[in-house]
N, C-alpha and C. Protein backbone atom coordinates (compact mmCIF):
# COMPACT_ATOMS: atom_id res chain seq x y z
N MET A 1 156.29 142.95 70.34
CA MET A 1 157.07 141.75 70.51
C MET A 1 156.67 140.76 69.42
N SER A 2 157.65 140.07 69.03
CA SER A 2 157.36 139.06 68.02
C SER A 2 156.79 137.80 68.69
N ARG A 3 156.12 137.04 67.89
CA ARG A 3 155.51 135.79 68.39
C ARG A 3 156.58 134.87 69.00
N PHE A 4 157.74 134.80 68.37
CA PHE A 4 158.84 133.95 68.86
C PHE A 4 159.28 134.40 70.25
N THR A 5 159.38 135.69 70.46
CA THR A 5 159.80 136.23 71.75
C THR A 5 158.78 135.90 72.82
N VAL A 6 157.50 135.98 72.50
CA VAL A 6 156.44 135.66 73.47
C VAL A 6 156.50 134.18 73.84
N VAL A 7 156.63 133.33 72.87
CA VAL A 7 156.72 131.88 73.14
C VAL A 7 157.96 131.58 73.97
N LEU A 8 159.07 132.18 73.64
CA LEU A 8 160.30 131.97 74.39
C LEU A 8 160.15 132.46 75.83
N PHE A 9 159.51 133.61 76.02
CA PHE A 9 159.28 134.16 77.35
C PHE A 9 158.39 133.21 78.18
N ILE A 10 157.31 132.71 77.59
CA ILE A 10 156.41 131.79 78.30
C ILE A 10 157.14 130.49 78.65
N PHE A 11 157.91 129.98 77.72
CA PHE A 11 158.67 128.75 77.96
C PHE A 11 159.66 128.95 79.11
N ALA A 12 160.38 130.08 79.13
CA ALA A 12 161.34 130.36 80.20
C ALA A 12 160.63 130.51 81.53
N TRP A 13 159.46 131.16 81.52
CA TRP A 13 158.69 131.33 82.76
C TRP A 13 158.22 129.98 83.30
N LEU A 14 157.75 129.06 82.44
CA LEU A 14 157.30 127.73 82.86
C LEU A 14 158.45 126.92 83.47
N ILE A 15 159.61 127.01 82.86
CA ILE A 15 160.76 126.27 83.38
C ILE A 15 161.17 126.82 84.75
N SER A 16 161.21 128.13 84.90
CA SER A 16 161.64 128.71 86.17
C SER A 16 160.60 128.53 87.26
N ALA A 17 159.34 128.42 86.91
CA ALA A 17 158.27 128.26 87.90
C ALA A 17 158.11 126.80 88.33
N ASN A 18 158.78 125.89 87.66
CA ASN A 18 158.66 124.47 87.98
C ASN A 18 159.28 124.19 89.34
N SER A 19 158.50 123.69 90.24
CA SER A 19 159.03 123.37 91.56
C SER A 19 159.24 121.86 91.66
N SER A 20 160.18 121.48 92.48
CA SER A 20 160.46 120.06 92.66
C SER A 20 159.35 119.41 93.48
N VAL A 21 159.03 118.19 93.13
CA VAL A 21 158.01 117.44 93.84
C VAL A 21 158.71 116.25 94.48
N TYR A 22 158.50 116.09 95.77
CA TYR A 22 159.11 115.00 96.50
C TYR A 22 158.01 114.03 96.93
N ALA A 23 158.23 112.76 96.72
CA ALA A 23 157.26 111.75 97.12
C ALA A 23 157.85 110.91 98.25
N ASN A 24 156.98 110.45 99.10
CA ASN A 24 157.45 109.53 100.14
C ASN A 24 157.83 108.21 99.50
N SER A 25 158.93 107.66 99.92
CA SER A 25 159.35 106.39 99.36
C SER A 25 158.58 105.26 100.02
N VAL A 26 158.36 104.23 99.27
CA VAL A 26 157.68 103.04 99.78
C VAL A 26 158.74 101.97 99.93
N ASN A 27 158.74 101.32 101.08
CA ASN A 27 159.70 100.24 101.28
C ASN A 27 159.21 99.02 100.52
N VAL A 28 159.73 98.86 99.33
CA VAL A 28 159.29 97.78 98.45
C VAL A 28 159.58 96.42 99.07
N ASN A 29 160.69 96.29 99.78
CA ASN A 29 161.02 95.00 100.37
C ASN A 29 159.97 94.55 101.37
N GLU A 30 159.45 95.46 102.17
CA GLU A 30 158.41 95.09 103.13
C GLU A 30 157.15 94.64 102.40
N THR A 31 156.76 95.39 101.40
CA THR A 31 155.56 95.05 100.65
C THR A 31 155.71 93.70 99.99
N GLU A 32 156.84 93.48 99.34
CA GLU A 32 157.05 92.21 98.67
C GLU A 32 157.11 91.06 99.67
N SER A 33 157.74 91.26 100.82
CA SER A 33 157.85 90.16 101.77
C SER A 33 156.49 89.82 102.36
N GLU A 34 155.64 90.83 102.62
CA GLU A 34 154.31 90.56 103.15
C GLU A 34 153.48 89.79 102.13
N LEU A 35 153.55 90.20 100.87
CA LEU A 35 152.82 89.52 99.82
C LEU A 35 153.37 88.11 99.63
N SER A 36 154.67 87.99 99.63
CA SER A 36 155.31 86.70 99.45
C SER A 36 154.93 85.75 100.58
N GLU A 37 154.91 86.25 101.80
CA GLU A 37 154.53 85.43 102.95
C GLU A 37 153.08 84.98 102.83
N ALA A 38 152.21 85.89 102.46
CA ALA A 38 150.79 85.55 102.31
C ALA A 38 150.58 84.51 101.20
N LEU A 39 151.28 84.69 100.08
CA LEU A 39 151.17 83.72 98.99
C LEU A 39 151.73 82.36 99.40
N GLY A 40 152.81 82.37 100.16
CA GLY A 40 153.38 81.11 100.65
C GLY A 40 152.40 80.36 101.54
N PHE A 41 151.78 81.07 102.49
CA PHE A 41 150.79 80.43 103.36
C PHE A 41 149.60 79.92 102.55
N ALA A 42 149.16 80.71 101.56
CA ALA A 42 148.03 80.29 100.73
C ALA A 42 148.38 79.02 99.95
N LEU A 43 149.59 78.96 99.41
CA LEU A 43 150.02 77.78 98.68
C LEU A 43 150.06 76.56 99.60
N ILE A 44 150.66 76.72 100.76
CA ILE A 44 150.76 75.61 101.71
C ILE A 44 149.37 75.12 102.11
N ARG A 45 148.46 76.04 102.43
CA ARG A 45 147.10 75.65 102.84
C ARG A 45 146.36 74.95 101.70
N SER A 46 146.66 75.31 100.46
CA SER A 46 146.00 74.66 99.33
C SER A 46 146.47 73.22 99.15
N LEU A 47 147.57 72.86 99.80
CA LEU A 47 148.14 71.51 99.69
C LEU A 47 147.86 70.66 100.92
N THR A 48 146.85 71.03 101.68
CA THR A 48 146.52 70.33 102.93
C THR A 48 146.30 68.83 102.72
N LYS A 49 145.54 68.47 101.71
CA LYS A 49 145.20 67.05 101.49
C LYS A 49 146.44 66.17 101.28
N PRO A 50 147.35 66.50 100.35
CA PRO A 50 148.52 65.64 100.18
C PRO A 50 149.47 65.68 101.39
N ILE A 51 149.53 66.81 102.10
CA ILE A 51 150.38 66.87 103.30
C ILE A 51 149.82 65.95 104.37
N ASN A 52 148.52 65.99 104.59
CA ASN A 52 147.88 65.08 105.56
C ASN A 52 148.11 63.63 105.18
N GLN A 53 147.99 63.33 103.90
CA GLN A 53 148.21 61.97 103.41
C GLN A 53 149.64 61.51 103.70
N ALA A 54 150.62 62.36 103.45
CA ALA A 54 152.02 62.00 103.69
C ALA A 54 152.28 61.78 105.17
N ILE A 55 151.76 62.65 106.02
CA ILE A 55 151.97 62.49 107.47
C ILE A 55 151.35 61.19 107.96
N LYS A 56 150.18 60.88 107.46
CA LYS A 56 149.52 59.63 107.85
C LYS A 56 150.38 58.43 107.45
N GLU A 57 150.92 58.45 106.23
CA GLU A 57 151.78 57.36 105.75
C GLU A 57 153.09 57.27 106.53
N ILE A 58 153.71 58.39 106.79
CA ILE A 58 155.01 58.40 107.46
C ILE A 58 154.91 57.82 108.86
N TYR A 59 153.87 58.16 109.60
CA TYR A 59 153.79 57.79 111.01
C TYR A 59 152.86 56.61 111.30
N LYS A 60 152.32 55.96 110.28
CA LYS A 60 151.36 54.88 110.52
C LYS A 60 151.98 53.68 111.24
N ASN A 61 153.25 53.41 111.06
CA ASN A 61 153.91 52.27 111.73
C ASN A 61 154.77 52.69 112.91
N ASP A 62 154.73 53.95 113.28
CA ASP A 62 155.50 54.45 114.42
C ASP A 62 154.68 54.23 115.69
N LYS A 63 155.09 53.25 116.48
CA LYS A 63 154.34 52.89 117.70
C LYS A 63 154.39 53.99 118.76
N ASN A 64 155.40 54.86 118.70
CA ASN A 64 155.52 55.93 119.68
C ASN A 64 154.85 57.23 119.24
N ALA A 65 154.37 57.25 118.02
CA ALA A 65 153.77 58.49 117.52
C ALA A 65 152.52 58.84 118.31
N PRO A 66 152.37 60.10 118.67
CA PRO A 66 151.15 60.52 119.36
C PRO A 66 149.92 60.22 118.49
N GLU A 67 148.81 60.03 119.16
CA GLU A 67 147.59 59.63 118.45
C GLU A 67 147.11 60.68 117.46
N TYR A 68 147.15 61.93 117.84
CA TYR A 68 146.64 62.99 116.97
C TYR A 68 147.77 63.94 116.56
N LEU A 69 148.47 63.57 115.50
CA LEU A 69 149.49 64.46 114.96
C LEU A 69 148.83 65.48 114.04
N SER A 70 149.31 66.69 114.11
CA SER A 70 148.79 67.75 113.27
C SER A 70 149.97 68.53 112.70
N TRP A 71 149.69 69.55 111.94
CA TRP A 71 150.72 70.43 111.37
C TRP A 71 150.06 71.77 111.10
N ASP A 72 150.88 72.78 110.85
CA ASP A 72 150.31 74.08 110.52
C ASP A 72 151.15 74.75 109.43
N ALA A 73 150.54 75.67 108.75
CA ALA A 73 151.22 76.38 107.66
C ALA A 73 152.34 77.28 108.18
N PHE A 74 152.17 77.80 109.39
CA PHE A 74 153.15 78.73 109.95
C PHE A 74 154.52 78.09 110.14
N SER A 75 154.56 76.81 110.56
CA SER A 75 155.84 76.16 110.79
C SER A 75 156.28 75.30 109.60
N THR A 76 155.55 75.36 108.50
CA THR A 76 155.91 74.62 107.29
C THR A 76 156.72 75.53 106.38
N GLU A 77 157.82 75.01 105.86
CA GLU A 77 158.69 75.79 104.98
C GLU A 77 158.56 75.30 103.54
N ILE A 78 158.55 76.24 102.62
CA ILE A 78 158.66 75.89 101.20
C ILE A 78 160.15 75.85 100.89
N LEU A 79 160.67 74.67 100.61
CA LEU A 79 162.10 74.53 100.34
C LEU A 79 162.43 74.82 98.87
N LYS A 80 161.53 74.39 97.97
CA LYS A 80 161.83 74.56 96.55
C LYS A 80 160.54 74.46 95.75
N ILE A 81 160.45 75.25 94.70
CA ILE A 81 159.39 75.12 93.72
C ILE A 81 160.08 74.90 92.39
N LYS A 82 159.85 73.74 91.81
CA LYS A 82 160.53 73.36 90.58
C LYS A 82 159.52 73.35 89.43
N GLN A 83 159.84 74.11 88.38
CA GLN A 83 159.00 74.13 87.19
C GLN A 83 159.44 72.98 86.30
N LEU A 84 158.52 72.09 85.96
CA LEU A 84 158.89 70.86 85.27
C LEU A 84 158.97 70.97 83.76
N TYR A 85 158.04 71.67 83.13
CA TYR A 85 157.96 71.63 81.66
C TYR A 85 157.97 73.01 81.03
N GLY A 86 158.65 73.95 81.57
CA GLY A 86 158.68 75.28 81.00
C GLY A 86 157.53 76.13 81.50
N ILE A 87 157.42 77.33 80.97
CA ILE A 87 156.43 78.29 81.44
C ILE A 87 155.02 77.73 81.26
N GLY A 88 154.26 77.80 82.34
CA GLY A 88 152.88 77.31 82.30
C GLY A 88 152.76 75.82 82.52
N GLY A 89 153.88 75.15 82.70
CA GLY A 89 153.85 73.70 82.90
C GLY A 89 153.56 73.34 84.34
N ALA A 90 153.78 72.11 84.68
CA ALA A 90 153.52 71.61 86.03
C ALA A 90 154.62 72.07 86.98
N TYR A 91 154.25 72.13 88.26
CA TYR A 91 155.20 72.54 89.30
C TYR A 91 155.29 71.45 90.36
N GLU A 92 156.48 71.27 90.88
CA GLU A 92 156.74 70.34 91.97
C GLU A 92 157.19 71.17 93.17
N ILE A 93 156.50 71.01 94.29
CA ILE A 93 156.75 71.84 95.47
C ILE A 93 157.31 70.95 96.58
N THR A 94 158.48 71.32 97.08
CA THR A 94 159.12 70.59 98.17
C THR A 94 158.92 71.37 99.46
N LEU A 95 158.37 70.69 100.47
CA LEU A 95 158.04 71.32 101.75
C LEU A 95 158.76 70.62 102.89
N LYS A 96 159.06 71.37 103.94
CA LYS A 96 159.54 70.78 105.18
C LYS A 96 158.41 71.00 106.20
N VAL A 97 157.84 69.89 106.65
CA VAL A 97 156.70 69.93 107.57
C VAL A 97 157.14 69.39 108.92
N LYS A 98 156.67 70.03 109.99
CA LYS A 98 157.00 69.61 111.35
C LYS A 98 155.71 69.23 112.08
N PRO A 99 155.32 67.96 112.00
CA PRO A 99 154.10 67.53 112.70
C PRO A 99 154.26 67.72 114.20
N TYR A 100 153.14 68.04 114.84
CA TYR A 100 153.17 68.29 116.28
C TYR A 100 151.96 67.63 116.94
N TYR A 101 152.00 67.59 118.25
CA TYR A 101 150.89 67.08 119.05
C TYR A 101 150.68 68.04 120.21
N ARG A 102 149.53 67.95 120.81
CA ARG A 102 149.12 68.83 121.90
C ARG A 102 149.36 70.29 121.55
N ALA A 103 149.97 71.03 122.43
CA ALA A 103 150.17 72.48 122.23
C ALA A 103 151.43 72.75 121.42
N HIS A 104 151.46 72.24 120.24
CA HIS A 104 152.57 72.45 119.30
C HIS A 104 153.89 71.86 119.78
N ASN A 105 153.85 70.67 120.35
CA ASN A 105 155.07 69.94 120.67
C ASN A 105 155.50 69.20 119.41
N THR A 106 156.62 69.60 118.84
CA THR A 106 157.07 69.01 117.58
C THR A 106 157.47 67.56 117.80
N TYR A 107 156.95 66.68 116.92
CA TYR A 107 157.28 65.26 117.02
C TYR A 107 158.28 64.84 115.93
N GLY A 108 158.27 65.51 114.81
CA GLY A 108 159.17 65.11 113.73
C GLY A 108 159.37 66.19 112.70
N GLU A 109 160.24 65.88 111.74
CA GLU A 109 160.46 66.72 110.57
C GLU A 109 160.41 65.83 109.35
N ASP A 110 159.70 66.30 108.33
CA ASP A 110 159.52 65.51 107.12
C ASP A 110 159.66 66.38 105.89
N ARG A 111 160.22 65.80 104.84
CA ARG A 111 160.29 66.48 103.54
C ARG A 111 159.20 65.84 102.68
N ILE A 112 158.31 66.69 102.19
CA ILE A 112 157.17 66.22 101.41
C ILE A 112 157.19 66.93 100.07
N VAL A 113 157.07 66.16 98.99
CA VAL A 113 157.07 66.72 97.65
C VAL A 113 155.69 66.47 97.05
N VAL A 114 155.06 67.56 96.60
CA VAL A 114 153.72 67.48 96.01
C VAL A 114 153.70 68.25 94.70
N SER A 115 152.74 67.94 93.87
CA SER A 115 152.55 68.71 92.65
C SER A 115 151.62 69.87 92.96
N ALA A 116 151.68 70.91 92.15
CA ALA A 116 150.85 72.09 92.38
C ALA A 116 149.37 71.77 92.27
N ASP A 117 149.02 70.68 91.58
CA ASP A 117 147.61 70.32 91.49
C ASP A 117 147.16 69.40 92.64
N GLY A 118 148.02 69.23 93.65
CA GLY A 118 147.61 68.56 94.87
C GLY A 118 147.87 67.07 94.95
N GLU A 119 148.74 66.55 94.12
CA GLU A 119 149.07 65.12 94.18
C GLU A 119 150.35 64.91 95.00
N LEU A 120 150.32 63.93 95.88
CA LEU A 120 151.52 63.57 96.65
C LEU A 120 152.49 62.83 95.73
N ILE A 121 153.71 63.32 95.64
CA ILE A 121 154.71 62.70 94.77
C ILE A 121 155.60 61.77 95.58
N ARG A 122 156.18 62.29 96.65
CA ARG A 122 157.04 61.45 97.52
C ARG A 122 157.20 62.16 98.86
N TYR A 123 157.72 61.41 99.81
CA TYR A 123 157.96 61.98 101.13
C TYR A 123 159.15 61.27 101.75
N GLU A 124 159.75 61.95 102.72
CA GLU A 124 160.91 61.41 103.41
C GLU A 124 160.88 61.88 104.86
N HIS A 125 160.98 60.93 105.78
CA HIS A 125 161.05 61.29 107.20
C HIS A 125 162.49 61.69 107.51
N LEU A 126 162.67 62.87 108.09
CA LEU A 126 164.01 63.38 108.36
C LEU A 126 164.44 63.18 109.80
N LYS A 127 163.51 63.38 110.74
CA LYS A 127 163.91 63.38 112.14
C LYS A 127 162.70 63.13 113.04
N THR A 128 162.94 62.40 114.13
CA THR A 128 161.91 62.21 115.16
C THR A 128 162.42 62.81 116.45
N TYR A 129 161.56 63.58 117.11
CA TYR A 129 161.91 64.17 118.39
C TYR A 129 161.34 63.29 119.50
N PRO A 130 161.99 63.28 120.67
CA PRO A 130 161.46 62.48 121.78
C PRO A 130 160.06 62.97 122.18
N LYS A 131 159.20 62.03 122.43
CA LYS A 131 157.84 62.36 122.84
C LYS A 131 157.83 62.72 124.31
N GLU A 132 157.16 63.80 124.63
CA GLU A 132 157.06 64.23 126.02
C GLU A 132 155.82 63.61 126.64
N GLU A 133 155.99 63.01 127.79
CA GLU A 133 154.86 62.39 128.49
C GLU A 133 154.29 63.38 129.50
N TYR A 134 153.00 63.37 129.62
CA TYR A 134 152.31 64.28 130.54
C TYR A 134 151.53 63.46 131.56
N ASN A 135 151.54 63.92 132.80
CA ASN A 135 150.71 63.29 133.83
C ASN A 135 149.32 63.91 133.75
N ARG A 136 148.32 63.06 133.76
CA ARG A 136 146.94 63.57 133.67
C ARG A 136 146.33 63.74 135.00
């Protein structure tokens, strides 16, 4: 046999012996949503100081506001992230925060805008919910 025939025979054998390989698919949407959710919570928690500052300012003159208003990352929404000066520039983050009292009784809704470096830019009170009274 000539060298060409041997090479051709080996090449044909390799092609015919090639079996298909099947891989399990990964649900990319689930993975991305879990990562996205985790990053969102991390971003919100990193902005605790300006969010607390805004809530304090918003409700300081509200005579009906519960004494100890709080908030949590779980019920806070990221409404918008705006890039201000191009890639690598500053970011402005708009959040919807729902302060609560006692066992997560929502007292209000507020739009809070902060910079990514933790500075409070502006805030707006959107809604106040009726305060529930409890007998002690």
